[in-house]
Amino acid sequence: MKLIRWIFAIAILSIWAALIGTALYVAMYKETDTLPDAEAIIVAGGGASRLGGLGPETQARLDRAVALFEEGRAPRLILTGGTGTSNPPVAEAMRAAALEAGVPAEAITVETQSMSTLQNALFTADLETLAPEAPVILVTHRYHLPRANASFRWAGFGDITNAAADPNGGFVISEGMLWEALKWPFNVVRAAAASAAMAGDVPRESYIRYLE
């Protein structure tokens, strides 16, 4: 019984720490006037609309990524995100929107299997056309950037520049921020378990579904 109380207390403290840390990051986020050049701009896909198009957050992330591409910050976009429905993967919907916005097809790479931020990172690291040591710009919302950055570093990326889809949004306690408080501890536990599995040469197919 005492052990259960300790586990419960640690879980509550972890959630509070994640919420406070995320809130501070959102409040203090400040982007440099000019982001450094990179080899790729990675967009962490968010939700899709019920009809299979882009949800508002995913659209905002893609818009920011396309703007950075047009500025010449990187020569390619990597769009990552799968789907849990019968609709096309989020990455494919982003690809269609990017093409419509004028991004050349040869400048777009999609990763369509991931169902979580950890899988976004892991499956992007699998791409043979992008070395993990390459400098990349990671685009998502401010509340998601800390966990997304940590996930991509866990997957092996070492040179990451954060770029918010909402750089001037001000401080807002959003639903996404509240969810981050729950997702952070869950993320850490799953990443640790996956790292142990990798170290033990456990086949990826045995644990990859637990990273969804």
C-alpha atoms as a PDB file:
ATOM      1  CA  MET A   1       0.000   0.000   0.000  1.00  0.00           C
ATOM      2  CA  LYS A   2       2.853   2.349   0.848  1.00  0.00           C
ATOM      3  CA  LEU A   3       4.476   1.627  -2.518  1.00  0.00           C
ATOM      4  CA  ILE A   4       1.241   2.489  -4.306  1.00  0.00           C
ATOM      5  CA  ARG A   5       1.072   5.817  -2.475  1.00  0.00           C
ATOM      6  CA  TRP A   6       4.649   6.587  -3.466  1.00  0.00           C
ATOM      7  CA  ILE A   7       3.956   5.756  -7.104  1.00  0.00           C
ATOM      8  CA  PHE A   8       0.831   7.922  -7.045  1.00  0.00           C
ATOM      9  CA  ALA A   9       2.738  10.826  -5.452  1.00  0.00           C
ATOM     10  CA  ILE A  10       5.543  10.585  -8.013  1.00  0.00           C
ATOM     11  CA  ALA A  11       3.001  10.527 -10.847  1.00  0.00           C
ATOM     12  CA  ILE A  12       1.238  13.640  -9.541  1.00  0.00           C
ATOM     13  CA  LEU A  13       4.535  15.487  -9.054  1.00  0.00           C
ATOM     14  CA  SER A  14       5.624  14.522 -12.566  1.00  0.00           C
ATOM     15  CA  ILE A  15       2.394  15.847 -14.063  1.00  0.00           C
ATOM     16  CA  TRP A  16       2.709  19.132 -12.165  1.00  0.00           C
ATOM     17  CA  ALA A  17       6.364  19.497 -13.178  1.00  0.00           C
ATOM     18  CA  ALA A  18       5.478  18.857 -16.817  1.00  0.00           C
ATOM     19  CA  LEU A  19       2.645  21.387 -16.721  1.00  0.00           C
ATOM     20  CA  ILE A  20       4.751  24.094 -15.072  1.00  0.00           C
ATOM     21  CA  GLY A  21       7.711  23.446 -17.369  1.00  0.00           C
ATOM     22  CA  THR A  22       5.562  23.556 -20.499  1.00  0.00           C
ATOM     23  CA  ALA A  23       3.777  26.716 -19.326  1.00  0.00           C
ATOM     24  CA  LEU A  24       7.100  28.446 -18.655  1.00  0.00           C
ATOM     25  CA  TYR A  25       8.416  27.459 -22.079  1.00  0.00           C
ATOM     26  CA  VAL A  26       5.305  28.811 -23.798  1.00  0.00           C
ATOM     27  CA  ALA A  27       5.438  32.042 -21.800  1.00  0.00           C
ATOM     28  CA  MET A  28       9.161  32.618 -22.362  1.00  0.00           C
ATOM     29  CA  TYR A  29       9.398  31.431 -25.972  1.00  0.00           C
ATOM     30  CA  LYS A  30      11.296  33.886 -28.116  1.00  0.00           C
ATOM     31  CA  GLU A  31      12.509  33.199 -31.604  1.00  0.00           C
ATOM     32  CA  THR A  32      15.580  34.745 -33.140  1.00  0.00           C
ATOM     33  CA  ASP A  33      14.954  37.119 -36.032  1.00  0.00           C
ATOM     34  CA  THR A  34      16.675  34.743 -38.444  1.00  0.00           C
ATOM     35  CA  LEU A  35      16.685  31.001 -37.950  1.00  0.00           C
ATOM     36  CA  PRO A  36      19.847  29.138 -38.994  1.00  0.00           C
ATOM     37  CA  ASP A  37      19.919  27.257 -42.266  1.00  0.00           C
ATOM     38  CA  ALA A  38      19.268  23.527 -42.070  1.00  0.00           C
ATOM     39  CA  GLU A  39      19.161  20.455 -44.253  1.00  0.00           C
ATOM     40  CA  ALA A  40      15.469  19.859 -43.651  1.00  0.00           C
ATOM     41  CA  ILE A  41      12.379  21.321 -42.043  1.00  0.00           C
ATOM     42  CA  ILE A  42      10.512  18.640 -40.102  1.00  0.00           C
ATOM     43  CA  VAL A  43       6.814  19.128 -39.430  1.00  0.00           C
ATOM     44  CA  ALA A  44       5.339  17.128 -36.561  1.00  0.00           C
ATOM     45  CA  GLY A  45       1.830  16.370 -37.756  1.00  0.00           C
ATOM     46  CA  GLY A  46      -1.104  17.113 -35.494  1.00  0.00           C
ATOM     47  CA  GLY A  47      -4.699  16.080 -35.933  1.00  0.00           C
ATOM     48  CA  ALA A  48      -6.656  15.673 -39.120  1.00  0.00           C
ATOM     49  CA  SER A  49     -10.129  16.971 -39.723  1.00  0.00           C
ATOM     50  CA  ARG A  50     -13.024  14.537 -39.538  1.00  0.00           C
ATOM     51  CA  LEU A  51     -13.212  14.589 -43.323  1.00  0.00           C
ATOM     52  CA  GLY A  52      -9.549  13.651 -43.671  1.00  0.00           C
ATOM     53  CA  GLY A  53      -8.042  17.066 -44.398  1.00  0.00           C
ATOM     54  CA  LEU A  54      -5.777  19.036 -42.112  1.00  0.00           C
ATOM     55  CA  GLY A  55      -6.909  20.099 -38.689  1.00  0.00           C
ATOM     56  CA  PRO A  56      -6.259  23.743 -37.746  1.00  0.00           C
ATOM     57  CA  GLU A  57      -3.103  23.008 -35.750  1.00  0.00           C
ATOM     58  CA  THR A  58      -1.582  20.845 -38.469  1.00  0.00           C
ATOM     59  CA  GLN A  59      -2.425  23.516 -41.039  1.00  0.00           C
ATOM     60  CA  ALA A  60      -0.686  26.152 -38.914  1.00  0.00           C
ATOM     61  CA  ARG A  61       2.413  23.976 -38.602  1.00  0.00           C
ATOM     62  CA  LEU A  62       2.518  23.363 -42.326  1.00  0.00           C
ATOM     63  CA  ASP A  63       2.015  27.060 -43.092  1.00  0.00           C
ATOM     64  CA  ARG A  64       5.001  27.943 -40.905  1.00  0.00           C
ATOM     65  CA  ALA A  65       7.125  25.243 -42.513  1.00  0.00           C
ATOM     66  CA  VAL A  66       6.237  26.401 -46.036  1.00  0.00           C
ATOM     67  CA  ALA A  67       7.101  29.990 -45.066  1.00  0.00           C
ATOM     68  CA  LEU A  68      10.501  28.844 -43.785  1.00  0.00           C
ATOM     69  CA  PHE A  69      11.041  26.846 -46.981  1.00  0.00           C
ATOM     70  CA  GLU A  70      10.228  29.893 -49.082  1.00  0.00           C
ATOM     71  CA  GLU A  71      12.710  31.919 -47.018  1.00  0.00           C
ATOM     72  CA  GLY A  72      15.385  29.431 -48.031  1.00  0.00           C
ATOM     73  CA  ARG A  73      15.959  28.083 -44.521  1.00  0.00           C
ATOM     74  CA  ALA A  74      16.182  24.498 -45.863  1.00  0.00           C
ATOM     75  CA  PRO A  75      15.861  22.792 -49.256  1.00  0.00           C
ATOM     76  CA  ARG A  76      13.278  20.217 -48.221  1.00  0.00           C
ATOM     77  CA  LEU A  77      10.276  19.486 -46.032  1.00  0.00           C
ATOM     78  CA  ILE A  78       9.810  16.272 -44.082  1.00  0.00           C
ATOM     79  CA  LEU A  79       6.153  15.787 -43.189  1.00  0.00           C
ATOM     80  CA  THR A  80       5.440  13.181 -40.555  1.00  0.00           C
ATOM     81  CA  GLY A  81       2.187  11.712 -39.302  1.00  0.00           C
ATOM     82  CA  GLY A  82      -0.024   8.690 -39.882  1.00  0.00           C
ATOM     83  CA  THR A  83      -3.694   8.066 -39.238  1.00  0.00           C
ATOM     84  CA  GLY A  84      -5.831   5.929 -37.004  1.00  0.00           C
ATOM     85  CA  THR A  85      -8.846   6.092 -39.306  1.00  0.00           C
ATOM     86  CA  SER A  86      -9.729   5.136 -42.858  1.00  0.00           C
ATOM     87  CA  ASN A  87      -8.697   8.605 -44.020  1.00  0.00           C
ATOM     88  CA  PRO A  88      -5.333   9.187 -45.722  1.00  0.00           C
ATOM     89  CA  PRO A  89      -2.343   9.731 -43.398  1.00  0.00           C
ATOM     90  CA  VAL A  90      -1.866  13.246 -42.051  1.00  0.00           C
ATOM     91  CA  ALA A  91       1.504  13.465 -43.805  1.00  0.00           C
ATOM     92  CA  GLU A  92      -0.153  12.830 -47.179  1.00  0.00           C
ATOM     93  CA  ALA A  93      -2.724  15.551 -46.494  1.00  0.00           C
ATOM     94  CA  MET A  94       0.129  17.921 -45.612  1.00  0.00           C
ATOM     95  CA  ARG A  95       1.930  16.931 -48.795  1.00  0.00           C
ATOM     96  CA  ALA A  96      -1.117  17.807 -50.907  1.00  0.00           C
ATOM     97  CA  ALA A  97      -1.423  21.172 -49.153  1.00  0.00           C
ATOM     98  CA  ALA A  98       2.294  21.878 -49.567  1.00  0.00           C
ATOM     99  CA  LEU A  99       2.109  21.116 -53.289  1.00  0.00           C
ATOM    100  CA  GLU A 100      -0.872  23.442 -53.591  1.00  0.00           C
ATOM    101  CA  ALA A 101       1.176  26.128 -51.811  1.00  0.00           C
ATOM    102  CA  GLY A 102       3.891  25.832 -54.455  1.00  0.00           C
ATOM    103  CA  VAL A 103       6.456  23.542 -52.824  1.00  0.00           C
ATOM    104  CA  PRO A 104       8.035  21.318 -55.511  1.00  0.00           C
ATOM    105  CA  ALA A 105       7.261  17.612 -55.208  1.00  0.00           C
ATOM    106  CA  GLU A 106      10.962  16.734 -55.158  1.00  0.00           C
ATOM    107  CA  ALA A 107      11.421  18.896 -52.051  1.00  0.00           C
ATOM    108  CA  ILE A 108       8.885  16.912 -50.011  1.00  0.00           C
ATOM    109  CA  THR A 109       9.402  13.683 -48.084  1.00  0.00           C
ATOM    110  CA  VAL A 110       6.565  12.066 -46.159  1.00  0.00           C
ATOM    111  CA  GLU A 111       6.587   9.634 -43.248  1.00  0.00           C
ATOM    112  CA  THR A 112       3.119   8.150 -42.961  1.00  0.00           C
ATOM    113  CA  GLN A 113       3.322   5.418 -40.305  1.00  0.00           C
ATOM    114  CA  SER A 114       3.782   7.324 -37.036  1.00  0.00           C
ATOM    115  CA  MET A 115       0.975   7.588 -34.511  1.00  0.00           C
ATOM    116  CA  SER A 116       2.742   9.575 -31.781  1.00  0.00           C
ATOM    117  CA  THR A 117       5.527  12.087 -31.252  1.00  0.00           C
ATOM    118  CA  LEU A 118       7.976   9.311 -30.347  1.00  0.00           C
ATOM    119  CA  GLN A 119       7.115   7.498 -33.553  1.00  0.00           C
ATOM    120  CA  ASN A 120       7.349  10.786 -35.506  1.00  0.00           C
ATOM    121  CA  ALA A 121      10.932  11.006 -34.311  1.00  0.00           C
ATOM    122  CA  LEU A 122      11.884   7.340 -34.629  1.00  0.00           C
ATOM    123  CA  PHE A 123      10.472   6.853 -38.116  1.00  0.00           C
ATOM    124  CA  THR A 124      11.955  10.131 -39.352  1.00  0.00           C
ATOM    125  CA  ALA A 125      15.336   8.935 -38.096  1.00  0.00           C
ATOM    126  CA  ASP A 126      14.845   5.829 -40.265  1.00  0.00           C
ATOM    127  CA  LEU A 127      14.825   7.901 -43.462  1.00  0.00           C
ATOM    128  CA  GLU A 128      17.914   7.053 -45.464  1.00  0.00           C
ATOM    129  CA  THR A 129      17.993  10.495 -47.048  1.00  0.00           C
ATOM    130  CA  LEU A 130      18.471  12.357 -43.759  1.00  0.00           C
ATOM    131  CA  ALA A 131      21.430  11.778 -41.457  1.00  0.00           C
ATOM    132  CA  PRO A 132      20.621  12.142 -37.737  1.00  0.00           C
ATOM    133  CA  GLU A 133      23.542  14.536 -37.327  1.00  0.00           C
ATOM    134  CA  ALA A 134      22.170  16.867 -40.005  1.00  0.00           C
ATOM    135  CA  PRO A 135      20.903  20.254 -38.789  1.00  0.00           C
ATOM    136  CA  VAL A 136      17.124  20.353 -38.871  1.00  0.00           C
ATOM    137  CA  ILE A 137      14.363  22.828 -38.041  1.00  0.00           C
ATOM    138  CA  LEU A 138      11.530  21.263 -36.063  1.00  0.00           C
ATOM    139  CA  VAL A 139       8.122  22.886 -36.523  1.00  0.00           C
ATOM    140  CA  THR A 140       5.206  22.409 -34.158  1.00  0.00           C
ATOM    141  CA  HIS A 141       3.293  24.482 -31.602  1.00  0.00           C
ATOM    142  CA  ARG A 142       5.029  26.031 -28.615  1.00  0.00           C
ATOM    143  CA  TYR A 143       3.343  23.783 -26.083  1.00  0.00           C
ATOM    144  CA  HIS A 144       4.525  20.731 -28.057  1.00  0.00           C
ATOM    145  CA  LEU A 145       8.066  21.861 -28.874  1.00  0.00           C
ATOM    146  CA  PRO A 146       9.807  20.756 -25.634  1.00  0.00           C
ATOM    147  CA  ARG A 147       8.471  17.196 -25.835  1.00  0.00           C
ATOM    148  CA  ALA A 148       8.924  17.003 -29.602  1.00  0.00           C
ATOM    149  CA  ASN A 149      12.523  18.233 -29.333  1.00  0.00           C
ATOM    150  CA  ALA A 150      13.263  15.715 -26.571  1.00  0.00           C
ATOM    151  CA  SER A 151      11.689  12.930 -28.651  1.00  0.00           C
ATOM    152  CA  PHE A 152      13.782  13.720 -31.721  1.00  0.00           C
ATOM    153  CA  ARG A 153      16.940  13.906 -29.619  1.00  0.00           C
ATOM    154  CA  TRP A 154      16.034  10.532 -28.128  1.00  0.00           C
ATOM    155  CA  ALA A 155      15.748   9.189 -31.694  1.00  0.00           C
ATOM    156  CA  GLY A 156      19.290  10.374 -32.464  1.00  0.00           C
ATOM    157  CA  PHE A 157      18.963  13.897 -33.853  1.00  0.00           C
ATOM    158  CA  GLY A 158      21.529  16.235 -32.330  1.00  0.00           C
ATOM    159  CA  ASP A 159      21.266  19.557 -34.155  1.00  0.00           C
ATOM    160  CA  ILE A 160      17.685  20.781 -33.774  1.00  0.00           C
ATOM    161  CA  THR A 161      16.357  24.322 -34.025  1.00  0.00           C
ATOM    162  CA  ASN A 162      12.845  24.837 -32.701  1.00  0.00           C
ATOM    163  CA  ALA A 163      10.402  26.893 -34.759  1.00  0.00           C
ATOM    164  CA  ALA A 164       6.931  27.495 -33.389  1.00  0.00           C
ATOM    165  CA  ALA A 165       3.836  27.439 -35.555  1.00  0.00           C
ATOM    166  CA  ASP A 166       2.486  30.089 -33.182  1.00  0.00           C
ATOM    167  CA  PRO A 167       5.546  32.221 -32.308  1.00  0.00           C
ATOM    168  CA  ASN A 168       3.501  35.303 -31.427  1.00  0.00           C
ATOM    169  CA  GLY A 169       0.498  33.678 -29.827  1.00  0.00           C
ATOM    170  CA  GLY A 170       1.057  35.086 -26.344  1.00  0.00           C
ATOM    171  CA  PHE A 171       0.557  33.035 -23.212  1.00  0.00           C
ATOM    172  CA  VAL A 172      -2.591  30.949 -23.371  1.00  0.00           C
ATOM    173  CA  ILE A 173      -3.441  27.942 -21.202  1.00  0.00           C
ATOM    174  CA  SER A 174      -4.711  25.717 -23.979  1.00  0.00           C
ATOM    175  CA  GLU A 175      -6.105  22.224 -24.078  1.00  0.00           C
ATOM    176  CA  GLY A 176      -2.892  21.106 -25.766  1.00  0.00           C
ATOM    177  CA  MET A 177      -0.786  22.443 -22.917  1.00  0.00           C
ATOM    178  CA  LEU A 178      -2.901  20.583 -20.357  1.00  0.00           C
ATOM    179  CA  TRP A 179      -2.568  17.358 -22.313  1.00  0.00           C
ATOM    180  CA  GLU A 180       1.209  17.816 -22.386  1.00  0.00           C
ATOM    181  CA  ALA A 181       1.244  17.550 -18.595  1.00  0.00           C
ATOM    182  CA  LEU A 182      -0.080  13.987 -18.963  1.00  0.00           C
ATOM    183  CA  LYS A 183       1.894  13.077 -22.073  1.00  0.00           C
ATOM    184  CA  TRP A 184       5.320  14.080 -20.753  1.00  0.00           C
ATOM    185  CA  PRO A 185       5.581  11.410 -18.006  1.00  0.00           C
ATOM    186  CA  PHE A 186       4.044   8.821 -20.334  1.00  0.00           C
ATOM    187  CA  ASN A 187       6.565   9.813 -23.017  1.00  0.00           C
ATOM    188  CA  VAL A 188       9.511   9.402 -20.645  1.00  0.00           C
ATOM    189  CA  VAL A 189       8.395   5.969 -19.441  1.00  0.00           C
ATOM    190  CA  ARG A 190       7.779   4.681 -22.962  1.00  0.00           C
ATOM    191  CA  ALA A 191      11.060   6.061 -24.296  1.00  0.00           C
ATOM    192  CA  ALA A 192      12.971   4.496 -21.420  1.00  0.00           C
ATOM    193  CA  ALA A 193      11.294   1.135 -22.004  1.00  0.00           C
ATOM    194  CA  ALA A 194      11.993   1.324 -25.751  1.00  0.00           C
ATOM    195  CA  SER A 195      15.632   2.232 -25.103  1.00  0.00           C
ATOM    196  CA  ALA A 196      15.974  -0.798 -22.832  1.00  0.00           C
ATOM    197  CA  ALA A 197      14.422  -2.974 -25.522  1.00  0.00           C
ATOM    198  CA  MET A 198      16.837  -1.608 -28.113  1.00  0.00           C
ATOM    199  CA  ALA A 199      19.790  -2.217 -25.814  1.00  0.00           C
ATOM    200  CA  GLY A 200      18.602  -5.784 -25.380  1.00  0.00           C
ATOM    201  CA  ASP A 201      18.307  -6.312 -29.150  1.00  0.00           C
ATOM    202  CA  VAL A 202      14.567  -6.866 -28.871  1.00  0.00           C
ATOM    203  CA  PRO A 203      13.006  -6.771 -32.373  1.00  0.00           C
ATOM    204  CA  ARG A 204      11.342  -3.441 -33.014  1.00  0.00           C
ATOM    205  CA  GLU A 205       8.054  -5.019 -34.017  1.00  0.00           C
ATOM    206  CA  SER A 206       7.761  -6.362 -30.471  1.00  0.00           C
ATOM    207  CA  TYR A 207       7.582  -2.935 -28.856  1.00  0.00           C
ATOM    208  CA  ILE A 208       6.895  -0.328 -31.514  1.00  0.00           C
ATOM    209  CA  ARG A 209       3.103  -0.472 -31.030  1.00  0.00           C
ATOM    210  CA  TYR A 210       3.580   0.595 -27.403  1.00  0.00           C
ATOM    211  CA  LEU A 211       5.011   3.895 -28.650  1.00  0.00           C
ATOM    212  CA  GLU A 212       1.756   4.886 -30.350  1.00  0.00           C
END
